Amino acid sequence: MIAVTNLAGVTSKACAGRHMEKDALDSRADSASASSKLDKARTEGSSKERGLDIDFSVTTDELSRARDIAPEDTRIFSRNQIIEGQLDREVLEQRLTATTEKKGATHSLTGVNMELAAIERRKAELRLKRAEKGLSAMRVIAPHDGILVFPM
């Protein structure tokens, strides 16, 4: 005679196994998403910094030209031209300062975004490890091939 075991426990373990497999798949997808966010933050940050570097170099060139050809001789230039030249140089100096500050802020913001994406990726990896550990704990490995029969 053969005994029939309680199948309710087997069913609940099978459901839990499917749930853990789903968690593992979700965690893999979350990890991939976080990695792409990290790459995106890195790319956007470097792109913005390159743009600010270009702005800085262009503004530096414009400022050096404005200083070289600045209308300062009152015998040659009108009072308005001299004042406009001074204002142009002041505006260019302020633009240099603003660009430098923007670059620092952009660098900080990029670092923060990259750290957030890295934290998100680590969280997903931890969830994946937990799900894989749970799946491996539920896995039953027989010592050899065959059919298990419980004699009565």
Protein backbone atom coordinates (compact mmCIF):
# COMPACT_ATOMS: atom_id res chain seq x y z
CA MET A 1 0.00 0.00 0.00
CA ILE A 2 1.19 3.52 -0.83
CA ALA A 3 0.62 6.57 1.38
CA VAL A 4 -0.47 9.85 -0.12
CA THR A 5 1.18 12.85 1.48
CA ASN A 6 -0.40 16.20 2.19
CA LEU A 7 -0.29 18.11 -1.10
CA ALA A 8 -1.27 21.45 0.45
CA GLY A 9 2.28 22.05 1.63
CA VAL A 10 3.67 21.18 -1.78
CA THR A 11 1.25 23.57 -3.47
CA SER A 12 2.12 26.46 -1.18
CA LYS A 13 5.84 25.82 -1.72
CA ALA A 14 5.31 25.73 -5.48
CA CYS A 15 3.46 29.06 -5.32
CA ALA A 16 6.21 30.53 -3.16
CA GLY A 17 8.78 29.25 -5.64
CA ARG A 18 6.98 30.92 -8.53
CA HIS A 19 6.77 34.10 -6.47
CA MET A 20 10.51 34.00 -5.79
CA GLU A 21 11.25 33.34 -9.46
CA LYS A 22 9.15 36.41 -10.33
CA ASP A 23 11.04 38.44 -7.70
CA ALA A 24 14.35 37.31 -9.19
CA LEU A 25 13.25 38.31 -12.70
CA ASP A 26 11.95 41.66 -11.43
CA SER A 27 15.19 42.27 -9.56
CA ARG A 28 17.24 41.51 -12.67
CA ALA A 29 15.12 43.99 -14.64
CA ASP A 30 15.44 46.60 -11.86
CA SER A 31 19.20 46.13 -11.80
CA ALA A 32 19.42 46.57 -15.57
CA SER A 33 17.22 49.67 -15.34
CA ALA A 34 19.38 51.15 -12.60
CA SER A 35 22.52 50.45 -14.63
CA SER A 36 21.04 52.26 -17.59
CA LYS A 37 20.09 55.18 -15.32
CA LEU A 38 23.69 55.27 -14.09
CA ASP A 39 24.99 55.35 -17.66
CA LYS A 40 22.45 58.03 -18.58
CA ALA A 41 23.44 60.23 -15.61
CA ARG A 42 27.12 59.82 -16.49
CA THR A 43 26.53 60.65 -20.17
CA GLU A 44 24.26 63.64 -19.49
CA GLY A 45 26.66 65.02 -16.90
CA SER A 46 29.69 64.76 -19.14
CA SER A 47 27.72 66.27 -22.03
CA LYS A 48 26.62 69.24 -19.94
CA GLU A 49 30.15 69.73 -18.62
CA ARG A 50 31.57 69.69 -22.16
CA GLY A 51 29.00 72.31 -23.18
CA LEU A 52 29.96 74.48 -20.23
CA ASP A 53 33.65 74.03 -21.08
CA ILE A 54 32.91 75.29 -24.58
CA ASP A 55 30.94 78.24 -23.18
CA PHE A 56 33.83 79.04 -20.85
CA SER A 57 36.46 78.97 -23.59
CA VAL A 58 34.31 81.06 -25.98
CA THR A 59 33.59 83.61 -23.27
CA THR A 60 37.29 83.74 -22.33
CA ASP A 61 38.20 84.43 -25.95
CA GLU A 62 35.52 87.12 -26.23
CA LEU A 63 36.72 88.74 -23.00
CA SER A 64 40.35 88.80 -24.13
CA ARG A 65 39.30 90.39 -27.45
CA ALA A 66 37.12 92.91 -25.61
CA ARG A 67 40.09 93.85 -23.41
CA ASP A 68 42.44 94.10 -26.39
CA ILE A 69 40.23 96.42 -28.42
CA ALA A 70 38.59 98.22 -25.53
CA PRO A 71 37.75 101.83 -26.39
CA GLU A 72 39.52 103.80 -23.67
CA ASP A 73 41.02 106.86 -25.38
CA THR A 74 38.65 109.79 -24.84
CA ARG A 75 40.22 111.67 -27.75
CA ILE A 76 39.18 108.96 -30.24
CA PHE A 77 36.05 107.36 -28.76
CA SER A 78 32.87 108.92 -27.48
CA ARG A 79 31.85 108.63 -23.87
CA ASN A 80 29.05 106.17 -24.82
CA GLN A 81 31.47 103.88 -26.67
CA ILE A 82 33.81 103.79 -23.68
CA ILE A 83 30.93 102.99 -21.29
CA GLU A 84 29.60 100.28 -23.64
CA GLY A 85 33.06 98.70 -23.77
CA GLN A 86 33.27 98.66 -19.98
CA LEU A 87 29.78 97.17 -19.70
CA ASP A 88 30.64 94.51 -22.29
CA ARG A 89 33.72 93.48 -20.30
CA GLU A 90 31.72 93.36 -17.04
CA VAL A 91 29.03 91.22 -18.66
CA LEU A 92 31.65 88.82 -20.05
CA GLU A 93 33.35 88.56 -16.64
CA GLN A 94 29.98 87.79 -15.02
CA ARG A 95 29.30 85.19 -17.69
CA LEU A 96 32.66 83.54 -16.90
CA THR A 97 31.81 83.49 -13.21
CA ALA A 98 28.34 82.07 -13.87
CA THR A 99 29.72 79.39 -16.20
CA THR A 100 32.27 78.34 -13.58
CA GLU A 101 29.56 78.11 -10.93
CA LYS A 102 27.27 76.17 -13.28
CA LYS A 103 30.05 73.73 -14.01
CA GLY A 104 30.59 73.08 -10.30
CA ALA A 105 26.86 72.63 -9.72
CA THR A 106 26.53 70.36 -12.73
CA HIS A 107 29.44 68.24 -11.53
CA SER A 108 27.85 67.92 -8.07
CA LEU A 109 24.42 67.12 -9.51
CA THR A 110 25.89 64.50 -11.82
CA GLY A 111 27.67 62.91 -8.87
CA VAL A 112 24.47 62.81 -6.83
CA ASN A 113 22.46 61.33 -9.72
CA MET A 114 25.12 58.69 -10.27
CA GLU A 115 25.14 57.82 -6.55
CA LEU A 116 21.35 57.52 -6.52
CA ALA A 117 21.43 55.21 -9.54
CA ALA A 118 24.20 53.15 -7.92
CA ILE A 119 22.14 52.82 -4.73
CA GLU A 120 19.13 51.74 -6.76
CA ARG A 121 21.26 49.14 -8.54
CA ARG A 122 22.66 47.81 -5.25
CA LYS A 123 19.12 47.52 -3.85
CA ALA A 124 18.05 45.52 -6.90
CA GLU A 125 21.12 43.29 -6.61
CA LEU A 126 20.35 42.64 -2.93
CA ARG A 127 16.75 41.72 -3.78
CA LEU A 128 18.08 39.41 -6.51
CA LYS A 129 20.48 37.70 -4.09
CA ARG A 130 17.68 37.27 -1.56
CA ALA A 131 15.37 35.76 -4.19
CA GLU A 132 18.11 33.44 -5.50
CA LYS A 133 18.92 32.36 -1.95
CA GLY A 134 15.24 31.62 -1.32
CA LEU A 135 15.00 29.65 -4.57
CA SER A 136 18.07 27.61 -3.74
CA ALA A 137 16.66 26.87 -0.27
CA MET A 138 13.46 25.55 -1.87
CA ARG A 139 15.27 23.36 -4.37
CA VAL A 140 15.19 19.67 -3.49
CA ILE A 141 17.92 17.51 -4.97
CA ALA A 142 17.52 13.76 -4.94
CA PRO A 143 20.58 11.62 -4.17
CA HIS A 144 19.82 9.61 -7.30
CA ASP A 145 17.27 9.29 -10.09
CA GLY A 146 14.12 7.38 -9.33
CA ILE A 147 10.63 7.52 -7.87
CA LEU A 148 9.96 8.07 -4.19
CA VAL A 149 7.43 5.64 -2.78
CA PHE A 150 6.30 5.65 0.83
CA PRO A 151 5.40 2.13 1.90
CA MET A 152 2.71 1.74 4.54
